[in-house]
All heavy atoms as atom14 arrays in JSON, in Angstrom:
{
  "sequence": "SVMYVSMALKARPTAREQATRDHQRMFDAL",
  "atom14_mask": [
    [1, 1, 1, 1, 1, 1, 0, 0, 0, 0, 0, 0, 0, 0],
    [1, 1, 1, 1, 1, 1, 1, 0, 0, 0, 0, 0, 0, 0],
    [1, 1, 1, 1, 1, 1, 1, 1, 0, 0, 0, 0, 0, 0],
    [1, 1, 1, 1, 1, 1, 1, 1, 1, 1, 1, 1, 0, 0],
    [1, 1, 1, 1, 1, 1, 1, 0, 0, 0, 0, 0, 0, 0],
    [1, 1, 1, 1, 1, 1, 0, 0, 0, 0, 0, 0, 0, 0],
    [1, 1, 1, 1, 1, 1, 1, 1, 0, 0, 0, 0, 0, 0],
    [1, 1, 1, 1, 1, 0, 0, 0, 0, 0, 0, 0, 0, 0],
    [1, 1, 1, 1, 1, 1, 1, 1, 0, 0, 0, 0, 0, 0],
    [1, 1, 1, 1, 1, 1, 1, 1, 1, 0, 0, 0, 0, 0],
    [1, 1, 1, 1, 1, 0, 0, 0, 0, 0, 0, 0, 0, 0],
    [1, 1, 1, 1, 1, 1, 1, 1, 1, 1, 1, 0, 0, 0],
    [1, 1, 1, 1, 1, 1, 1, 0, 0, 0, 0, 0, 0, 0],
    [1, 1, 1, 1, 1, 1, 1, 0, 0, 0, 0, 0, 0, 0],
    [1, 1, 1, 1, 1, 0, 0, 0, 0, 0, 0, 0, 0, 0],
    [1, 1, 1, 1, 1, 1, 1, 1, 1, 1, 1, 0, 0, 0],
    [1, 1, 1, 1, 1, 1, 1, 1, 1, 0, 0, 0, 0, 0],
    [1, 1, 1, 1, 1, 1, 1, 1, 1, 0, 0, 0, 0, 0],
    [1, 1, 1, 1, 1, 0, 0, 0, 0, 0, 0, 0, 0, 0],
    [1, 1, 1, 1, 1, 1, 1, 0, 0, 0, 0, 0, 0, 0],
    [1, 1, 1, 1, 1, 1, 1, 1, 1, 1, 1, 0, 0, 0],
    [1, 1, 1, 1, 1, 1, 1, 1, 0, 0, 0, 0, 0, 0],
    [1, 1, 1, 1, 1, 1, 1, 1, 1, 1, 0, 0, 0, 0],
    [1, 1, 1, 1, 1, 1, 1, 1, 1, 0, 0, 0, 0, 0],
    [1, 1, 1, 1, 1, 1, 1, 1, 1, 1, 1, 0, 0, 0],
    [1, 1, 1, 1, 1, 1, 1, 1, 0, 0, 0, 0, 0, 0],
    [1, 1, 1, 1, 1, 1, 1, 1, 1, 1, 1, 0, 0, 0],
    [1, 1, 1, 1, 1, 1, 1, 1, 0, 0, 0, 0, 0, 0],
    [1, 1, 1, 1, 1, 0, 0, 0, 0, 0, 0, 0, 0, 0],
    [1, 1, 1, 1, 1, 1, 1, 1, 0, 0, 0, 0, 0, 0]
  ],
  "atom14_positions": [
    [[-168.84, 175.22, 47.15], [-167.67, 176.02, 46.78], [-167.69, 176.51, 45.35], [-166.93, 177.44, 45.01], [-166.38, 175.2, 46.99], [-166.19, 174.87, 48.33], [0.0, 0.0, 0.0], [0.0, 0.0, 0.0], [0.0, 0.0, 0.0], [0.0, 0.0, 0.0], [0.0, 0.0, 0.0], [0.0, 0.0, 0.0], [0.0, 0.0, 0.0], [0.0, 0.0, 0.0]],
    [[-168.52, 175.91, 44.49], [-168.38, 176.21, 43.06], [-168.61, 177.69, 42.76], [-167.96, 178.26, 41.87], [-169.32, 175.34, 42.19], [-168.92, 173.87, 42.27], [-170.78, 175.53, 42.58], [0.0, 0.0, 0.0], [0.0, 0.0, 0.0], [0.0, 0.0, 0.0], [0.0, 0.0, 0.0], [0.0, 0.0, 0.0], [0.0, 0.0, 0.0], [0.0, 0.0, 0.0]],
    [[-169.51, 178.35, 43.49], [-169.75, 179.77, 43.25], [-168.53, 180.6, 43.63], [-168.21, 181.61, 42.98], [-170.98, 180.25, 44.01], [-172.28, 179.6, 43.54], [-173.75, 180.16, 44.45], [-173.92, 181.85, 43.79], [0.0, 0.0, 0.0], [0.0, 0.0, 0.0], [0.0, 0.0, 0.0], [0.0, 0.0, 0.0], [0.0, 0.0, 0.0], [0.0, 0.0, 0.0]],
    [[-167.84, 180.2, 44.68], [-166.64, 180.93, 45.11], [-165.49, 180.72, 44.13], [-164.74, 181.65, 43.82], [-166.24, 180.48, 46.52], [-167.24, 180.91, 47.56], [-168.28, 180.06, 47.94], [-167.19, 182.17, 48.13], [-169.22, 180.46, 48.86], [-168.13, 182.58, 49.07], [-169.15, 181.72, 49.42], [-170.09, 182.12, 50.33], [0.0, 0.0, 0.0], [0.0, 0.0, 0.0]],
    [[-165.35, 179.49, 43.65], [-164.31, 179.21, 42.66], [-164.56, 180.02, 41.4], [-163.65, 180.63, 40.83], [-164.26, 177.71, 42.35], [-163.28, 177.43, 41.2], [-163.86, 176.91, 43.58], [0.0, 0.0, 0.0], [0.0, 0.0, 0.0], [0.0, 0.0, 0.0], [0.0, 0.0, 0.0], [0.0, 0.0, 0.0], [0.0, 0.0, 0.0], [0.0, 0.0, 0.0]],
    [[-165.81, 180.05, 40.96], [-166.16, 180.79, 39.74], [-165.87, 182.28, 39.91], [-165.3, 182.92, 39.02], [-167.64, 180.58, 39.42], [-168.01, 181.27, 38.25], [0.0, 0.0, 0.0], [0.0, 0.0, 0.0], [0.0, 0.0, 0.0], [0.0, 0.0, 0.0], [0.0, 0.0, 0.0], [0.0, 0.0, 0.0], [0.0, 0.0, 0.0], [0.0, 0.0, 0.0]],
    [[-166.23, 182.83, 41.06], [-166.0, 184.25, 41.3], [-164.51, 184.55, 41.38], [-164.05, 185.6, 40.91], [-166.7, 184.69, 42.58], [-166.63, 186.18, 42.83], [-167.66, 186.69, 44.22], [-167.32, 188.46, 44.22], [0.0, 0.0, 0.0], [0.0, 0.0, 0.0], [0.0, 0.0, 0.0], [0.0, 0.0, 0.0], [0.0, 0.0, 0.0], [0.0, 0.0, 0.0]],
    [[-163.72, 183.65, 41.97], [-162.28, 183.85, 42.05], [-161.65, 183.89, 40.66], [-160.73, 184.68, 40.41], [-161.64, 182.74, 42.89], [0.0, 0.0, 0.0], [0.0, 0.0, 0.0], [0.0, 0.0, 0.0], [0.0, 0.0, 0.0], [0.0, 0.0, 0.0], [0.0, 0.0, 0.0], [0.0, 0.0, 0.0], [0.0, 0.0, 0.0], [0.0, 0.0, 0.0]],
    [[-162.14, 183.05, 39.75], [-161.61, 183.05, 38.39], [-161.88, 184.38, 37.69], [-161.05, 184.87, 36.91], [-162.23, 181.91, 37.58], [-161.86, 180.48, 38.0], [-162.57, 179.48, 37.1], [-160.35, 180.26, 37.96], [0.0, 0.0, 0.0], [0.0, 0.0, 0.0], [0.0, 0.0, 0.0], [0.0, 0.0, 0.0], [0.0, 0.0, 0.0], [0.0, 0.0, 0.0]],
    [[-163.05, 184.95, 37.97], [-163.39, 186.24, 37.35], [-162.6, 187.38, 37.99], [-162.19, 188.33, 37.33], [-164.9, 186.51, 37.45], [-165.75, 185.58, 36.61], [-167.16, 186.1, 36.45], [-167.95, 185.98, 37.73], [-168.35, 184.58, 38.02], [0.0, 0.0, 0.0], [0.0, 0.0, 0.0], [0.0, 0.0, 0.0], [0.0, 0.0, 0.0], [0.0, 0.0, 0.0]],
    [[-162.4, 187.29, 39.32], [-161.71, 188.36, 40.04], [-160.22, 188.38, 39.72], [-159.6, 189.45, 39.71], [-161.93, 188.21, 41.54], [0.0, 0.0, 0.0], [0.0, 0.0, 0.0], [0.0, 0.0, 0.0], [0.0, 0.0, 0.0], [0.0, 0.0, 0.0], [0.0, 0.0, 0.0], [0.0, 0.0, 0.0], [0.0, 0.0, 0.0], [0.0, 0.0, 0.0]],
    [[-159.64, 187.21, 39.48], [-158.21, 187.14, 39.17], [-158.01, 186.16, 38.02], [-157.96, 184.94, 38.24], [-157.4, 186.7, 40.38], [-155.88, 186.68, 40.1], [-155.11, 186.03, 41.23], [-155.16, 186.78, 42.48], [-154.71, 186.33, 43.65], [-154.18, 185.11, 43.7], [-154.79, 187.07, 44.73], [0.0, 0.0, 0.0], [0.0, 0.0, 0.0], [0.0, 0.0, 0.0]],
    [[-157.88, 186.64, 36.8], [-157.75, 185.76, 35.63], [-156.6, 184.77, 35.72], [-156.68, 183.67, 35.17], [-157.54, 186.74, 34.47], [-158.22, 187.99, 34.93], [-157.97, 188.06, 36.41], [0.0, 0.0, 0.0], [0.0, 0.0, 0.0], [0.0, 0.0, 0.0], [0.0, 0.0, 0.0], [0.0, 0.0, 0.0], [0.0, 0.0, 0.0], [0.0, 0.0, 0.0]],
    [[-155.53, 185.13, 36.44], [-154.38, 184.22, 36.56], [-154.64, 183.09, 37.55], [-153.81, 182.17, 37.66], [-153.13, 185.0, 37.01], [-153.4, 185.64, 38.26], [-152.74, 186.04, 35.97], [0.0, 0.0, 0.0], [0.0, 0.0, 0.0], [0.0, 0.0, 0.0], [0.0, 0.0, 0.0], [0.0, 0.0, 0.0], [0.0, 0.0, 0.0], [0.0, 0.0, 0.0]],
    [[-155.76, 183.12, 38.26], [-156.05, 182.08, 39.25], [-156.19, 180.72, 38.58], [-155.8, 179.69, 39.16], [-157.33, 182.42, 40.02], [0.0, 0.0, 0.0], [0.0, 0.0, 0.0], [0.0, 0.0, 0.0], [0.0, 0.0, 0.0], [0.0, 0.0, 0.0], [0.0, 0.0, 0.0], [0.0, 0.0, 0.0], [0.0, 0.0, 0.0], [0.0, 0.0, 0.0]],
    [[-156.73, 180.69, 37.36], [-156.88, 179.41, 36.67], [-155.51, 178.81, 36.35], [-155.32, 177.6, 36.49], [-157.71, 179.59, 35.41], [-157.87, 178.32, 34.59], [-158.96, 178.45, 33.55], [-158.88, 177.38, 32.58], [-159.77, 177.15, 31.62], [-160.83, 177.93, 31.52], [-159.63, 176.16, 30.77], [0.0, 0.0, 0.0], [0.0, 0.0, 0.0], [0.0, 0.0, 0.0]],
    [[-154.57, 179.64, 35.93], [-153.22, 179.14, 35.64], [-152.57, 178.58, 36.9], [-151.93, 177.52, 36.87], [-152.37, 180.26, 35.06], [-152.86, 180.79, 33.72], [-152.05, 181.99, 33.26], [-150.99, 182.26, 33.88], [-152.47, 182.65, 32.3], [0.0, 0.0, 0.0], [0.0, 0.0, 0.0], [0.0, 0.0, 0.0], [0.0, 0.0, 0.0], [0.0, 0.0, 0.0]],
    [[-152.76, 179.29, 38.0], [-152.19, 178.82, 39.27], [-152.85, 177.5, 39.68], [-152.16, 176.57, 40.14], [-152.38, 179.87, 40.36], [-151.78, 179.47, 41.7], [-152.0, 180.54, 42.77], [-152.41, 181.66, 42.46], [-151.73, 180.2, 44.02], [0.0, 0.0, 0.0], [0.0, 0.0, 0.0], [0.0, 0.0, 0.0], [0.0, 0.0, 0.0], [0.0, 0.0, 0.0]],
    [[-154.17, 177.41, 39.52], [-154.88, 176.19, 39.88], [-154.42, 175.02, 39.02], [-154.27, 173.89, 39.52], [-156.39, 176.41, 39.73], [0.0, 0.0, 0.0], [0.0, 0.0, 0.0], [0.0, 0.0, 0.0], [0.0, 0.0, 0.0], [0.0, 0.0, 0.0], [0.0, 0.0, 0.0], [0.0, 0.0, 0.0], [0.0, 0.0, 0.0], [0.0, 0.0, 0.0]],
    [[-154.18, 175.28, 37.74], [-153.71, 174.22, 36.85], [-152.36, 173.68, 37.3], [-152.12, 172.46, 37.29], [-153.62, 174.74, 35.4], [-154.92, 175.14, 34.96], [-153.08, 173.67, 34.46], [0.0, 0.0, 0.0], [0.0, 0.0, 0.0], [0.0, 0.0, 0.0], [0.0, 0.0, 0.0], [0.0, 0.0, 0.0], [0.0, 0.0, 0.0], [0.0, 0.0, 0.0]],
    [[-151.48, 174.57, 37.72], [-150.18, 174.12, 38.24], [-150.35, 173.28, 39.5], [-149.69, 172.25, 39.69], [-149.28, 175.33, 38.52], [-148.8, 176.05, 37.26], [-147.68, 177.03, 37.59], [-148.13, 178.13, 38.43], [-148.62, 179.28, 37.96], [-148.74, 179.46, 36.65], [-148.99, 180.25, 38.78], [0.0, 0.0, 0.0], [0.0, 0.0, 0.0], [0.0, 0.0, 0.0]],
    [[-151.26, 173.72, 40.37], [-151.52, 172.97, 41.6], [-152.08, 171.58, 41.28], [-151.7, 170.58, 41.9], [-152.51, 173.72, 42.48], [-151.92, 174.97, 43.1], [-150.69, 175.13, 43.05], [-152.71, 175.78, 43.64], [0.0, 0.0, 0.0], [0.0, 0.0, 0.0], [0.0, 0.0, 0.0], [0.0, 0.0, 0.0], [0.0, 0.0, 0.0], [0.0, 0.0, 0.0]],
    [[-153.01, 171.53, 40.32], [-153.6, 170.24, 39.94], [-152.55, 169.29, 39.39], [-152.58, 168.09, 39.66], [-154.71, 170.47, 38.91], [-155.91, 171.14, 39.46], [-156.73, 171.93, 38.7], [-156.45, 171.15, 40.71], [-157.72, 172.4, 39.43], [-157.56, 171.95, 40.66], [0.0, 0.0, 0.0], [0.0, 0.0, 0.0], [0.0, 0.0, 0.0], [0.0, 0.0, 0.0]],
    [[-151.63, 169.82, 38.61], [-150.56, 168.97, 38.08], [-149.69, 168.46, 39.21], [-149.26, 167.29, 39.21], [-149.72, 169.77, 37.08], [-148.67, 168.92, 36.37], [-149.28, 167.86, 35.49], [-150.08, 168.15, 34.6], [-148.9, 166.6, 35.73], [0.0, 0.0, 0.0], [0.0, 0.0, 0.0], [0.0, 0.0, 0.0], [0.0, 0.0, 0.0], [0.0, 0.0, 0.0]],
    [[-149.41, 169.31, 40.2], [-148.64, 168.88, 41.37], [-149.35, 167.75, 42.11], [-148.72, 166.78, 42.55], [-148.4, 170.05, 42.33], [-147.38, 171.07, 41.86], [-147.3, 172.21, 42.88], [-146.9, 171.74, 44.2], [-147.11, 172.42, 45.32], [-147.75, 173.58, 45.29], [-146.71, 171.94, 46.48], [0.0, 0.0, 0.0], [0.0, 0.0, 0.0], [0.0, 0.0, 0.0]],
    [[-150.67, 167.89, 42.28], [-151.44, 166.84, 42.94], [-151.35, 165.54, 42.17], [-151.13, 164.46, 42.74], [-152.9, 167.27, 43.07], [-153.16, 168.41, 44.02], [-154.92, 168.88, 43.97], [-154.78, 170.64, 44.24], [0.0, 0.0, 0.0], [0.0, 0.0, 0.0], [0.0, 0.0, 0.0], [0.0, 0.0, 0.0], [0.0, 0.0, 0.0], [0.0, 0.0, 0.0]],
    [[-151.53, 165.63, 40.85], [-151.49, 164.43, 40.02], [-150.12, 163.76, 40.1], [-150.02, 162.53, 40.23], [-151.82, 164.79, 38.57], [-151.82, 163.6, 37.64], [-152.87, 162.7, 37.64], [-150.75, 163.38, 36.78], [-152.87, 161.6, 36.8], [-150.73, 162.29, 35.93], [-151.8, 161.39, 35.94], [0.0, 0.0, 0.0], [0.0, 0.0, 0.0], [0.0, 0.0, 0.0]],
    [[-149.06, 164.55, 40.04], [-147.71, 163.99, 40.13], [-147.48, 163.32, 41.48], [-146.89, 162.23, 41.55], [-146.67, 165.09, 39.92], [-146.66, 165.63, 38.49], [-147.24, 164.97, 37.6], [-146.12, 166.74, 38.28], [0.0, 0.0, 0.0], [0.0, 0.0, 0.0], [0.0, 0.0, 0.0], [0.0, 0.0, 0.0], [0.0, 0.0, 0.0], [0.0, 0.0, 0.0]],
    [[-147.95, 163.97, 42.55], [-147.79, 163.38, 43.89], [-148.56, 162.08, 44.01], [-148.06, 161.09, 44.57], [-148.25, 164.37, 44.95], [0.0, 0.0, 0.0], [0.0, 0.0, 0.0], [0.0, 0.0, 0.0], [0.0, 0.0, 0.0], [0.0, 0.0, 0.0], [0.0, 0.0, 0.0], [0.0, 0.0, 0.0], [0.0, 0.0, 0.0], [0.0, 0.0, 0.0]],
    [[-149.77, 162.06, 43.48], [-150.57, 160.83, 43.51], [-149.9, 159.73, 42.69], [-149.9, 158.56, 43.07], [-151.97, 161.1, 42.97], [-152.87, 162.01, 43.8], [-154.1, 162.42, 43.01], [-153.28, 161.33, 45.1], [0.0, 0.0, 0.0], [0.0, 0.0, 0.0], [0.0, 0.0, 0.0], [0.0, 0.0, 0.0], [0.0, 0.0, 0.0], [0.0, 0.0, 0.0]]
  ]
}
């Protein structure tokens, strides 16, 4: 998946911000 994740970050710069919010949600749930 790493190539797809990398390409998504380049295609949509805001994807990293969205991913960071998701990661925080995961951490909080855990």
